[in-house]
Amino acid sequence: MRRQSKYDASLQAAPGLTDEERKAAEEKFLELLERVFGSASKVRGAYCECVAVRSLRVENPWSTTTPEEVQAVTLWEKAAEKATRLVFSQMKIPPGDAFFELHVWNSRTN
């Protein structure tokens, strides 16, 4: 069982799953991400860094993208894609339009 962290996941667009199956898939997705990144805090950090880079690109599309920014987005996208594929494969969830959404809350939130 995972320790509680400052984020959670929800499985979207996966009709036909029971609440138990959905919750198990969400937990497995988070466990796999934590294994890839090494800890819950590193998952949260990688996700927040990716979101920050994407936001900067939207706000300043003319600005040059740095190698570090590309690396941050690529690292997150590859890890999330791999975790998603593994969960879908292990739990026999048809990929279709299904996806995981990560929810991160402020570090000051209890």
N, C-alpha and C. Protein backbone atom coordinates (compact mmCIF):
# COMPACT_ATOMS: atom_id res chain seq x y z
N MET A 1 0.84 -1.19 0.00
CA MET A 1 0.00 0.00 0.00
C MET A 1 0.88 1.24 0.00
N ARG A 2 0.56 2.19 -0.84
CA ARG A 2 1.30 3.44 -0.95
C ARG A 2 1.07 4.33 0.26
N ARG A 3 2.08 5.12 0.58
CA ARG A 3 1.90 6.16 1.58
C ARG A 3 1.08 7.28 0.97
N GLN A 4 0.37 8.00 1.79
CA GLN A 4 -0.40 9.15 1.30
C GLN A 4 0.58 10.23 0.85
N SER A 5 0.28 10.88 -0.25
CA SER A 5 1.15 11.90 -0.79
C SER A 5 0.33 13.12 -1.20
N LYS A 6 1.00 14.12 -1.71
CA LYS A 6 0.34 15.37 -2.07
C LYS A 6 -0.21 15.35 -3.49
N TYR A 7 -0.59 14.17 -3.96
CA TYR A 7 -1.22 14.04 -5.26
C TYR A 7 -2.00 12.74 -5.30
N ASP A 8 -2.88 12.65 -6.28
CA ASP A 8 -3.57 11.40 -6.55
C ASP A 8 -3.87 11.35 -8.05
N ALA A 9 -4.44 10.26 -8.48
CA ALA A 9 -4.75 10.09 -9.90
C ALA A 9 -6.19 9.65 -10.05
N SER A 10 -6.74 9.97 -11.20
CA SER A 10 -8.07 9.45 -11.53
C SER A 10 -8.02 8.92 -12.96
N LEU A 11 -8.67 7.78 -13.14
CA LEU A 11 -8.76 7.16 -14.46
C LEU A 11 -9.99 7.71 -15.15
N GLN A 12 -9.79 8.29 -16.31
CA GLN A 12 -10.86 8.93 -17.06
C GLN A 12 -11.19 8.13 -18.32
N ALA A 13 -12.44 8.21 -18.75
CA ALA A 13 -12.91 7.63 -20.02
C ALA A 13 -12.66 6.14 -20.12
N ALA A 14 -12.90 5.42 -19.01
CA ALA A 14 -12.76 3.96 -19.01
C ALA A 14 -14.06 3.35 -18.52
N PRO A 15 -15.10 3.36 -19.37
CA PRO A 15 -16.40 2.84 -18.95
C PRO A 15 -16.34 1.33 -18.70
N GLY A 16 -17.26 0.88 -17.85
CA GLY A 16 -17.38 -0.55 -17.59
C GLY A 16 -16.57 -1.08 -16.43
N LEU A 17 -15.75 -0.23 -15.81
CA LEU A 17 -14.98 -0.67 -14.66
C LEU A 17 -15.77 -0.46 -13.38
N THR A 18 -15.60 -1.36 -12.45
CA THR A 18 -16.21 -1.16 -11.13
C THR A 18 -15.39 -0.10 -10.39
N ASP A 19 -15.94 0.41 -9.32
CA ASP A 19 -15.20 1.38 -8.50
C ASP A 19 -13.90 0.76 -7.98
N GLU A 20 -13.95 -0.51 -7.60
CA GLU A 20 -12.78 -1.20 -7.08
C GLU A 20 -11.70 -1.34 -8.16
N GLU A 21 -12.12 -1.68 -9.38
CA GLU A 21 -11.17 -1.82 -10.48
C GLU A 21 -10.54 -0.47 -10.82
N ARG A 22 -11.34 0.56 -10.83
CA ARG A 22 -10.84 1.91 -11.13
C ARG A 22 -9.83 2.35 -10.07
N LYS A 23 -10.17 2.15 -8.81
CA LYS A 23 -9.28 2.54 -7.71
C LYS A 23 -7.98 1.74 -7.77
N ALA A 24 -8.07 0.44 -8.07
CA ALA A 24 -6.87 -0.40 -8.18
C ALA A 24 -5.98 0.08 -9.32
N ALA A 25 -6.58 0.45 -10.44
CA ALA A 25 -5.81 0.96 -11.58
C ALA A 25 -5.11 2.27 -11.22
N GLU A 26 -5.81 3.16 -10.54
CA GLU A 26 -5.24 4.44 -10.14
C GLU A 26 -4.07 4.24 -9.18
N GLU A 27 -4.22 3.34 -8.23
CA GLU A 27 -3.14 3.05 -7.27
C GLU A 27 -1.94 2.44 -7.98
N LYS A 28 -2.18 1.52 -8.89
CA LYS A 28 -1.10 0.88 -9.63
C LYS A 28 -0.35 1.91 -10.47
N PHE A 29 -1.07 2.81 -11.11
CA PHE A 29 -0.46 3.87 -11.90
C PHE A 29 0.49 4.70 -11.02
N LEU A 30 0.04 5.10 -9.84
CA LEU A 30 0.88 5.89 -8.95
C LEU A 30 2.07 5.10 -8.45
N GLU A 31 1.87 3.83 -8.13
CA GLU A 31 2.98 2.98 -7.68
C GLU A 31 4.06 2.87 -8.75
N LEU A 32 3.64 2.71 -10.00
CA LEU A 32 4.60 2.60 -11.09
C LEU A 32 5.37 3.91 -11.28
N LEU A 33 4.68 5.03 -11.20
CA LEU A 33 5.36 6.33 -11.31
C LEU A 33 6.38 6.50 -10.18
N GLU A 34 6.00 6.11 -8.98
CA GLU A 34 6.90 6.26 -7.84
C GLU A 34 8.12 5.34 -7.99
N ARG A 35 7.92 4.19 -8.60
CA ARG A 35 9.05 3.29 -8.85
C ARG A 35 10.00 3.92 -9.87
N VAL A 36 9.47 4.52 -10.93
CA VAL A 36 10.29 5.14 -11.97
C VAL A 36 11.07 6.32 -11.41
N PHE A 37 10.39 7.19 -10.66
CA PHE A 37 11.03 8.41 -10.18
C PHE A 37 11.76 8.22 -8.85
N GLY A 38 11.45 7.18 -8.12
CA GLY A 38 12.17 6.89 -6.88
C GLY A 38 11.45 7.27 -5.61
N SER A 39 10.48 8.16 -5.68
CA SER A 39 9.72 8.55 -4.49
C SER A 39 8.51 9.38 -4.89
N ALA A 40 7.58 9.51 -3.95
CA ALA A 40 6.38 10.32 -4.19
C ALA A 40 6.75 11.78 -4.43
N SER A 41 7.69 12.30 -3.66
CA SER A 41 8.05 13.72 -3.83
C SER A 41 8.69 13.97 -5.19
N LYS A 42 9.41 12.99 -5.72
CA LYS A 42 10.02 13.15 -7.05
C LYS A 42 8.97 13.07 -8.16
N VAL A 43 7.93 12.26 -7.95
CA VAL A 43 6.83 12.22 -8.92
C VAL A 43 6.19 13.59 -8.97
N ARG A 44 5.84 14.11 -7.82
CA ARG A 44 5.20 15.42 -7.73
C ARG A 44 6.07 16.50 -8.35
N GLY A 45 7.37 16.47 -8.05
CA GLY A 45 8.29 17.45 -8.60
C GLY A 45 8.40 17.38 -10.11
N ALA A 46 8.51 16.16 -10.64
CA ALA A 46 8.62 15.99 -12.10
C ALA A 46 7.36 16.47 -12.80
N TYR A 47 6.21 16.14 -12.23
CA TYR A 47 4.94 16.57 -12.83
C TYR A 47 4.83 18.09 -12.81
N CYS A 48 5.11 18.69 -11.67
CA CYS A 48 5.01 20.15 -11.54
C CYS A 48 5.99 20.86 -12.48
N GLU A 49 7.18 20.30 -12.64
CA GLU A 49 8.16 20.89 -13.55
C GLU A 49 7.66 20.81 -15.00
N CYS A 50 7.08 19.69 -15.37
CA CYS A 50 6.53 19.52 -16.72
C CYS A 50 5.40 20.53 -16.97
N VAL A 51 4.50 20.65 -16.01
CA VAL A 51 3.39 21.59 -16.15
C VAL A 51 3.90 23.03 -16.24
N ALA A 52 4.91 23.36 -15.45
CA ALA A 52 5.48 24.71 -15.49
C ALA A 52 6.08 25.01 -16.86
N VAL A 53 6.81 24.05 -17.42
CA VAL A 53 7.41 24.25 -18.75
C VAL A 53 6.33 24.44 -19.80
N ARG A 54 5.31 23.59 -19.75
CA ARG A 54 4.21 23.72 -20.72
C ARG A 54 3.52 25.08 -20.59
N SER A 55 3.32 25.53 -19.37
CA SER A 55 2.69 26.84 -19.15
C SER A 55 3.54 27.97 -19.71
N LEU A 56 4.86 27.88 -19.49
CA LEU A 56 5.76 28.90 -20.04
C LEU A 56 5.71 28.93 -21.55
N ARG A 57 5.61 27.77 -22.17
CA ARG A 57 5.54 27.69 -23.64
C ARG A 57 4.26 28.35 -24.15
N VAL A 58 3.17 28.18 -23.43
CA VAL A 58 1.90 28.79 -23.85
C VAL A 58 1.98 30.31 -23.67
N GLU A 59 2.55 30.75 -22.56
CA GLU A 59 2.63 32.18 -22.28
C GLU A 59 3.67 32.90 -23.15
N ASN A 60 4.74 32.20 -23.51
CA ASN A 60 5.83 32.80 -24.27
C ASN A 60 6.24 31.89 -25.43
N PRO A 61 5.38 31.71 -26.40
CA PRO A 61 5.68 30.75 -27.47
C PRO A 61 6.89 31.15 -28.32
N TRP A 62 7.26 32.39 -28.33
CA TRP A 62 8.39 32.86 -29.13
C TRP A 62 9.73 32.64 -28.43
N SER A 63 9.69 32.34 -27.16
CA SER A 63 10.91 32.13 -26.38
C SER A 63 11.54 30.77 -26.73
N THR A 64 12.85 30.71 -26.70
CA THR A 64 13.58 29.49 -27.03
C THR A 64 13.41 28.46 -25.91
N THR A 65 13.15 27.23 -26.29
CA THR A 65 13.03 26.13 -25.33
C THR A 65 14.43 25.64 -24.99
N THR A 66 14.73 25.52 -23.71
CA THR A 66 16.05 25.06 -23.29
C THR A 66 16.10 23.53 -23.29
N PRO A 67 17.29 22.95 -23.35
CA PRO A 67 17.41 21.49 -23.27
C PRO A 67 16.83 20.94 -21.96
N GLU A 68 16.95 21.69 -20.89
CA GLU A 68 16.41 21.26 -19.60
C GLU A 68 14.89 21.19 -19.63
N GLU A 69 14.28 22.16 -20.31
CA GLU A 69 12.82 22.17 -20.44
C GLU A 69 12.34 20.97 -21.27
N VAL A 70 13.03 20.72 -22.37
CA VAL A 70 12.68 19.57 -23.21
C VAL A 70 12.84 18.28 -22.40
N GLN A 71 13.92 18.19 -21.64
CA GLN A 71 14.17 17.00 -20.84
C GLN A 71 13.08 16.81 -19.78
N ALA A 72 12.65 17.87 -19.13
CA ALA A 72 11.61 17.78 -18.10
C ALA A 72 10.30 17.25 -18.67
N VAL A 73 9.90 17.77 -19.81
CA VAL A 73 8.65 17.33 -20.43
C VAL A 73 8.78 15.89 -20.93
N THR A 74 9.89 15.58 -21.58
CA THR A 74 10.11 14.23 -22.11
C THR A 74 10.14 13.20 -21.00
N LEU A 75 10.82 13.50 -19.91
CA LEU A 75 10.91 12.58 -18.77
C LEU A 75 9.53 12.26 -18.23
N TRP A 76 8.73 13.29 -18.01
CA TRP A 76 7.38 13.06 -17.48
C TRP A 76 6.52 12.28 -18.46
N GLU A 77 6.51 12.71 -19.71
CA GLU A 77 5.65 12.07 -20.70
C GLU A 77 5.99 10.60 -20.89
N LYS A 78 7.28 10.28 -20.95
CA LYS A 78 7.68 8.87 -21.12
C LYS A 78 7.29 8.03 -19.91
N ALA A 79 7.51 8.56 -18.71
CA ALA A 79 7.17 7.82 -17.49
C ALA A 79 5.66 7.60 -17.39
N ALA A 80 4.87 8.63 -17.65
CA ALA A 80 3.42 8.51 -17.56
C ALA A 80 2.88 7.57 -18.63
N GLU A 81 3.43 7.64 -19.83
CA GLU A 81 3.00 6.76 -20.91
C GLU A 81 3.31 5.30 -20.59
N LYS A 82 4.51 5.06 -20.08
CA LYS A 82 4.91 3.69 -19.73
C LYS A 82 4.03 3.14 -18.61
N ALA A 83 3.80 3.94 -17.57
CA ALA A 83 2.96 3.50 -16.45
C ALA A 83 1.53 3.22 -16.93
N THR A 84 1.02 4.07 -17.80
CA THR A 84 -0.33 3.88 -18.33
C THR A 84 -0.42 2.57 -19.12
N ARG A 85 0.53 2.35 -20.02
CA ARG A 85 0.53 1.12 -20.82
C ARG A 85 0.60 -0.13 -19.93
N LEU A 86 1.45 -0.09 -18.91
CA LEU A 86 1.59 -1.24 -18.02
C LEU A 86 0.29 -1.53 -17.25
N VAL A 87 -0.31 -0.49 -16.72
CA VAL A 87 -1.57 -0.67 -15.98
C VAL A 87 -2.65 -1.21 -16.90
N PHE A 88 -2.79 -0.63 -18.06
CA PHE A 88 -3.82 -1.09 -18.99
C PHE A 88 -3.59 -2.54 -19.38
N SER A 89 -2.33 -2.90 -19.61
CA SER A 89 -2.00 -4.27 -19.99
C SER A 89 -2.26 -5.25 -18.84
N GLN A 90 -1.77 -4.93 -17.66
CA GLN A 90 -1.92 -5.81 -16.49
C GLN A 90 -3.37 -5.99 -16.08
N MET A 91 -4.16 -4.93 -16.20
CA MET A 91 -5.54 -4.99 -15.72
C MET A 91 -6.54 -5.20 -16.85
N LYS A 92 -6.03 -5.44 -18.05
CA LYS A 92 -6.88 -5.71 -19.22
C LYS A 92 -7.88 -4.59 -19.49
N ILE A 93 -7.38 -3.35 -19.39
CA ILE A 93 -8.21 -2.17 -19.67
C ILE A 93 -7.97 -1.78 -21.12
N PRO A 94 -9.02 -1.76 -21.94
CA PRO A 94 -8.80 -1.35 -23.34
C PRO A 94 -8.39 0.12 -23.39
N PRO A 95 -7.29 0.42 -24.11
CA PRO A 95 -6.79 1.80 -24.12
C PRO A 95 -7.79 2.82 -24.66
N GLY A 96 -8.35 2.60 -25.83
CA GLY A 96 -9.34 3.53 -26.37
C GLY A 96 -9.05 4.97 -26.04
N ASP A 97 -10.01 5.63 -25.40
CA ASP A 97 -9.86 7.03 -25.01
C ASP A 97 -9.44 7.19 -23.55
N ALA A 98 -9.22 6.08 -22.85
CA ALA A 98 -8.91 6.13 -21.42
C ALA A 98 -7.55 6.78 -21.16
N PHE A 99 -7.47 7.49 -20.04
CA PHE A 99 -6.22 8.12 -19.63
C PHE A 99 -6.26 8.39 -18.13
N PHE A 100 -5.08 8.58 -17.57
CA PHE A 100 -4.97 8.95 -16.16
C PHE A 100 -4.76 10.46 -16.06
N GLU A 101 -5.39 11.04 -15.09
CA GLU A 101 -5.23 12.46 -14.81
C GLU A 101 -4.61 12.57 -13.42
N LEU A 102 -3.52 13.31 -13.30
CA LEU A 102 -2.87 13.49 -12.01
C LEU A 102 -3.40 14.77 -11.37
N HIS A 103 -3.68 14.72 -10.10
CA HIS A 103 -4.16 15.88 -9.35
C HIS A 103 -3.14 16.17 -8.26
N VAL A 104 -2.55 17.36 -8.32
CA VAL A 104 -1.53 17.77 -7.34
C VAL A 104 -2.07 18.95 -6.58
N TRP A 105 -1.91 18.92 -5.26
CA TRP A 105 -2.38 20.05 -4.50
C TRP A 105 -1.22 20.78 -3.83
N ASN A 106 -1.47 21.99 -3.44
CA ASN A 106 -0.50 22.89 -2.84
C ASN A 106 0.18 22.22 -1.66
N SER A 107 1.48 22.44 -1.51
CA SER A 107 2.22 21.82 -0.42
C SER A 107 1.76 22.29 0.95
N ARG A 108 1.04 23.40 1.02
CA ARG A 108 0.54 23.88 2.31
C ARG A 108 -0.83 23.28 2.65
N THR A 109 -1.43 22.59 1.69
CA THR A 109 -2.73 21.97 1.91
C THR A 109 -2.55 20.71 2.75
N ASN A 110 -3.38 20.52 3.73
CA ASN A 110 -3.30 19.30 4.56
C ASN A 110 -4.11 18.19 3.96
